[in-house]
Amino acid sequence: MSKGPRSRRSYKGAAAHYTAIIKRDGKWWIGWIEEIRGVNSQGRTRKELMANLRSALKEMLEMNRAEARAGADGDFEEASVAV
């Protein structure tokens, strides 16, 4: 398999699941993603909190992905890792 930016494979088809820790805090719902430090949010309702957490998680994953690719500098290959 050739390596490099043009030959990267995308593994976006597999859904990943993360654990949200959520709780009521006065008039707000607050929560964070257990597996990824820095992903946290709040909402006036549980539903709003969950939507905000999804958005924050997606943004963090995109930032981490961009940082990892930038750090690879040059030819690289992506591979799926299951746990």
N, C-alpha and C. Protein backbone atom coordinates (compact mmCIF):
# COMPACT_ATOMS: atom_id res chain seq x y z
N MET A 1 0.84 -1.17 0.00
CA MET A 1 0.00 0.00 0.00
C MET A 1 0.89 1.24 0.00
N SER A 2 0.59 2.16 -0.87
CA SER A 2 1.36 3.40 -0.85
C SER A 2 0.93 4.26 0.32
N LYS A 3 1.87 5.07 0.79
CA LYS A 3 1.60 5.91 1.94
C LYS A 3 1.49 7.36 1.51
N GLY A 4 0.92 8.18 2.37
CA GLY A 4 0.87 9.61 2.09
C GLY A 4 -0.54 10.14 2.17
N PRO A 5 -0.65 11.44 2.15
CA PRO A 5 -1.94 12.08 2.31
C PRO A 5 -3.00 11.65 1.31
N ARG A 6 -2.62 11.32 0.09
CA ARG A 6 -3.62 10.95 -0.91
C ARG A 6 -4.10 9.51 -0.76
N SER A 7 -3.39 8.70 0.03
CA SER A 7 -3.80 7.30 0.15
C SER A 7 -4.39 6.98 1.53
N ARG A 8 -4.66 8.00 2.30
CA ARG A 8 -5.21 7.75 3.64
C ARG A 8 -6.58 7.10 3.55
N ARG A 9 -6.85 6.20 4.47
CA ARG A 9 -8.16 5.58 4.57
C ARG A 9 -8.96 6.28 5.65
N SER A 10 -10.24 6.32 5.48
CA SER A 10 -11.11 6.90 6.49
C SER A 10 -11.85 5.78 7.21
N TYR A 11 -11.89 5.86 8.52
CA TYR A 11 -12.57 4.85 9.32
C TYR A 11 -13.78 5.46 10.02
N LYS A 12 -14.39 6.43 9.39
CA LYS A 12 -15.51 7.12 10.00
C LYS A 12 -16.78 6.28 10.02
N GLY A 13 -16.81 5.16 9.32
CA GLY A 13 -18.00 4.34 9.26
C GLY A 13 -18.35 3.67 10.58
N ALA A 14 -17.35 3.38 11.39
CA ALA A 14 -17.58 2.72 12.66
C ALA A 14 -17.95 3.77 13.71
N ALA A 15 -19.05 3.53 14.39
CA ALA A 15 -19.48 4.48 15.43
C ALA A 15 -18.70 4.22 16.71
N ALA A 16 -18.16 5.27 17.27
CA ALA A 16 -17.46 5.17 18.55
C ALA A 16 -18.42 5.60 19.65
N HIS A 17 -18.27 5.01 20.80
CA HIS A 17 -19.12 5.35 21.93
C HIS A 17 -18.26 5.82 23.08
N TYR A 18 -18.70 6.88 23.72
CA TYR A 18 -17.99 7.46 24.85
C TYR A 18 -18.95 7.56 26.03
N THR A 19 -18.40 7.69 27.22
CA THR A 19 -19.22 7.75 28.43
C THR A 19 -19.32 9.19 28.91
N ALA A 20 -20.55 9.67 29.03
CA ALA A 20 -20.78 11.01 29.56
C ALA A 20 -21.16 10.90 31.03
N ILE A 21 -20.46 11.64 31.85
CA ILE A 21 -20.81 11.78 33.26
C ILE A 21 -21.65 13.05 33.34
N ILE A 22 -22.89 12.94 33.80
CA ILE A 22 -23.77 14.10 33.83
C ILE A 22 -24.43 14.23 35.20
N LYS A 23 -24.72 15.47 35.56
CA LYS A 23 -25.44 15.69 36.81
C LYS A 23 -26.11 17.05 36.80
N ARG A 24 -27.10 17.16 37.64
CA ARG A 24 -27.81 18.43 37.81
C ARG A 24 -27.02 19.28 38.79
N ASP A 25 -26.84 20.56 38.47
CA ASP A 25 -26.12 21.48 39.34
C ASP A 25 -26.95 22.77 39.42
N GLY A 26 -27.82 22.83 40.40
CA GLY A 26 -28.73 23.96 40.50
C GLY A 26 -29.70 23.94 39.33
N LYS A 27 -29.74 25.04 38.58
CA LYS A 27 -30.63 25.14 37.43
C LYS A 27 -30.01 24.58 36.15
N TRP A 28 -28.77 24.15 36.21
CA TRP A 28 -28.04 23.68 35.04
C TRP A 28 -27.78 22.19 35.10
N TRP A 29 -27.60 21.60 33.93
CA TRP A 29 -27.07 20.26 33.79
C TRP A 29 -25.62 20.43 33.36
N ILE A 30 -24.71 19.71 33.99
CA ILE A 30 -23.30 19.76 33.60
C ILE A 30 -22.83 18.36 33.29
N GLY A 31 -21.80 18.25 32.47
CA GLY A 31 -21.29 16.93 32.13
C GLY A 31 -19.95 16.99 31.46
N TRP A 32 -19.33 15.84 31.40
CA TRP A 32 -18.03 15.71 30.76
C TRP A 32 -17.89 14.30 30.21
N ILE A 33 -16.98 14.17 29.24
CA ILE A 33 -16.71 12.86 28.63
C ILE A 33 -15.56 12.22 29.39
N GLU A 34 -15.85 11.06 29.92
CA GLU A 34 -14.92 10.33 30.79
C GLU A 34 -13.59 10.02 30.10
N GLU A 35 -13.65 9.61 28.85
CA GLU A 35 -12.46 9.10 28.17
C GLU A 35 -11.55 10.17 27.59
N ILE A 36 -12.04 11.40 27.42
CA ILE A 36 -11.24 12.42 26.76
C ILE A 36 -11.23 13.69 27.61
N ARG A 37 -10.08 13.95 28.22
CA ARG A 37 -9.94 15.12 29.07
C ARG A 37 -10.22 16.40 28.29
N GLY A 38 -10.92 17.31 28.91
CA GLY A 38 -11.18 18.60 28.30
C GLY A 38 -12.51 18.70 27.58
N VAL A 39 -13.22 17.58 27.44
CA VAL A 39 -14.53 17.63 26.79
C VAL A 39 -15.59 17.72 27.88
N ASN A 40 -16.12 18.92 28.04
CA ASN A 40 -17.16 19.15 29.05
C ASN A 40 -18.09 20.23 28.54
N SER A 41 -19.27 20.31 29.14
CA SER A 41 -20.24 21.31 28.72
C SER A 41 -21.32 21.44 29.76
N GLN A 42 -22.31 22.28 29.43
CA GLN A 42 -23.46 22.47 30.30
C GLN A 42 -24.67 22.76 29.43
N GLY A 43 -25.84 22.70 30.04
CA GLY A 43 -27.07 23.03 29.34
C GLY A 43 -28.18 23.28 30.33
N ARG A 44 -29.18 23.99 29.91
CA ARG A 44 -30.31 24.26 30.80
C ARG A 44 -31.20 23.04 30.99
N THR A 45 -31.13 22.12 30.03
CA THR A 45 -31.86 20.85 30.13
C THR A 45 -30.89 19.70 29.87
N ARG A 46 -31.30 18.50 30.25
CA ARG A 46 -30.46 17.32 30.00
C ARG A 46 -30.24 17.15 28.49
N LYS A 47 -31.31 17.35 27.72
CA LYS A 47 -31.22 17.21 26.27
C LYS A 47 -30.24 18.22 25.68
N GLU A 48 -30.30 19.46 26.14
CA GLU A 48 -29.37 20.48 25.66
C GLU A 48 -27.93 20.14 26.04
N LEU A 49 -27.74 19.65 27.28
CA LEU A 49 -26.40 19.23 27.70
C LEU A 49 -25.86 18.16 26.78
N MET A 50 -26.66 17.13 26.50
CA MET A 50 -26.17 16.03 25.66
C MET A 50 -25.81 16.51 24.26
N ALA A 51 -26.61 17.42 23.70
CA ALA A 51 -26.29 17.98 22.38
C ALA A 51 -24.98 18.77 22.45
N ASN A 52 -24.81 19.55 23.52
CA ASN A 52 -23.59 20.33 23.69
C ASN A 52 -22.36 19.43 23.86
N LEU A 53 -22.53 18.33 24.61
CA LEU A 53 -21.42 17.38 24.77
C LEU A 53 -21.03 16.74 23.45
N ARG A 54 -22.04 16.35 22.65
CA ARG A 54 -21.75 15.77 21.32
C ARG A 54 -20.95 16.75 20.47
N SER A 55 -21.37 18.00 20.49
CA SER A 55 -20.69 19.03 19.72
C SER A 55 -19.25 19.24 20.21
N ALA A 56 -19.07 19.31 21.53
CA ALA A 56 -17.73 19.50 22.11
C ALA A 56 -16.84 18.31 21.80
N LEU A 57 -17.39 17.10 21.88
CA LEU A 57 -16.63 15.88 21.60
C LEU A 57 -16.20 15.86 20.13
N LYS A 58 -17.12 16.17 19.24
CA LYS A 58 -16.80 16.18 17.82
C LYS A 58 -15.69 17.20 17.53
N GLU A 59 -15.81 18.37 18.11
CA GLU A 59 -14.80 19.40 17.90
C GLU A 59 -13.43 18.97 18.43
N MET A 60 -13.40 18.37 19.62
CA MET A 60 -12.14 17.92 20.20
C MET A 60 -11.51 16.82 19.34
N LEU A 61 -12.30 15.87 18.87
CA LEU A 61 -11.77 14.80 18.03
C LEU A 61 -11.21 15.36 16.73
N GLU A 62 -11.89 16.34 16.14
CA GLU A 62 -11.39 16.96 14.92
C GLU A 62 -10.07 17.70 15.17
N MET A 63 -9.99 18.41 16.30
CA MET A 63 -8.75 19.12 16.64
C MET A 63 -7.61 18.14 16.90
N ASN A 64 -7.89 17.05 17.63
CA ASN A 64 -6.86 16.04 17.89
C ASN A 64 -6.40 15.38 16.60
N ARG A 65 -7.35 15.10 15.71
CA ARG A 65 -7.01 14.47 14.43
C ARG A 65 -6.12 15.39 13.61
N ALA A 66 -6.47 16.67 13.53
CA ALA A 66 -5.66 17.63 12.77
C ALA A 66 -4.26 17.76 13.36
N GLU A 67 -4.18 17.79 14.68
CA GLU A 67 -2.87 17.90 15.35
C GLU A 67 -2.01 16.66 15.09
N ALA A 68 -2.62 15.48 15.13
CA ALA A 68 -1.88 14.25 14.89
C ALA A 68 -1.37 14.20 13.45
N ARG A 69 -2.20 14.60 12.51
CA ARG A 69 -1.79 14.59 11.10
C ARG A 69 -0.69 15.61 10.84
N ALA A 70 -0.80 16.77 11.46
CA ALA A 70 0.24 17.80 11.29
C ALA A 70 1.56 17.31 11.87
N GLY A 71 1.50 16.57 12.97
CA GLY A 71 2.71 16.05 13.60
C GLY A 71 3.37 14.93 12.82
N ALA A 72 2.62 14.28 11.93
CA ALA A 72 3.17 13.18 11.15
C ALA A 72 4.18 13.70 10.11
N ASP A 73 3.99 14.91 9.62
CA ASP A 73 4.92 15.58 8.72
C ASP A 73 5.43 14.68 7.60
N GLY A 74 4.73 14.67 6.51
CA GLY A 74 5.17 13.89 5.35
C GLY A 74 4.29 12.68 5.12
N ASP A 75 4.91 11.64 4.58
CA ASP A 75 4.17 10.41 4.29
C ASP A 75 3.78 9.71 5.59
N PHE A 76 2.55 9.26 5.63
CA PHE A 76 2.07 8.49 6.78
C PHE A 76 0.89 7.65 6.35
N GLU A 77 0.52 6.75 7.21
CA GLU A 77 -0.59 5.84 6.96
C GLU A 77 -1.51 5.88 8.17
N GLU A 78 -2.80 5.79 7.95
CA GLU A 78 -3.75 5.70 9.04
C GLU A 78 -4.22 4.26 9.16
N ALA A 79 -4.37 3.78 10.39
CA ALA A 79 -4.86 2.43 10.63
C ALA A 79 -5.84 2.47 11.79
N SER A 80 -6.85 1.64 11.70
CA SER A 80 -7.87 1.56 12.74
C SER A 80 -7.34 0.72 13.91
N VAL A 81 -7.62 1.18 15.12
CA VAL A 81 -7.21 0.46 16.32
C VAL A 81 -8.45 0.19 17.16
N ALA A 82 -8.74 -1.05 17.42
CA ALA A 82 -9.89 -1.41 18.26
C ALA A 82 -9.42 -1.77 19.66
N VAL A 83 -10.21 -1.43 20.62
CA VAL A 83 -9.87 -1.79 22.01
C VAL A 83 -10.94 -2.69 22.59
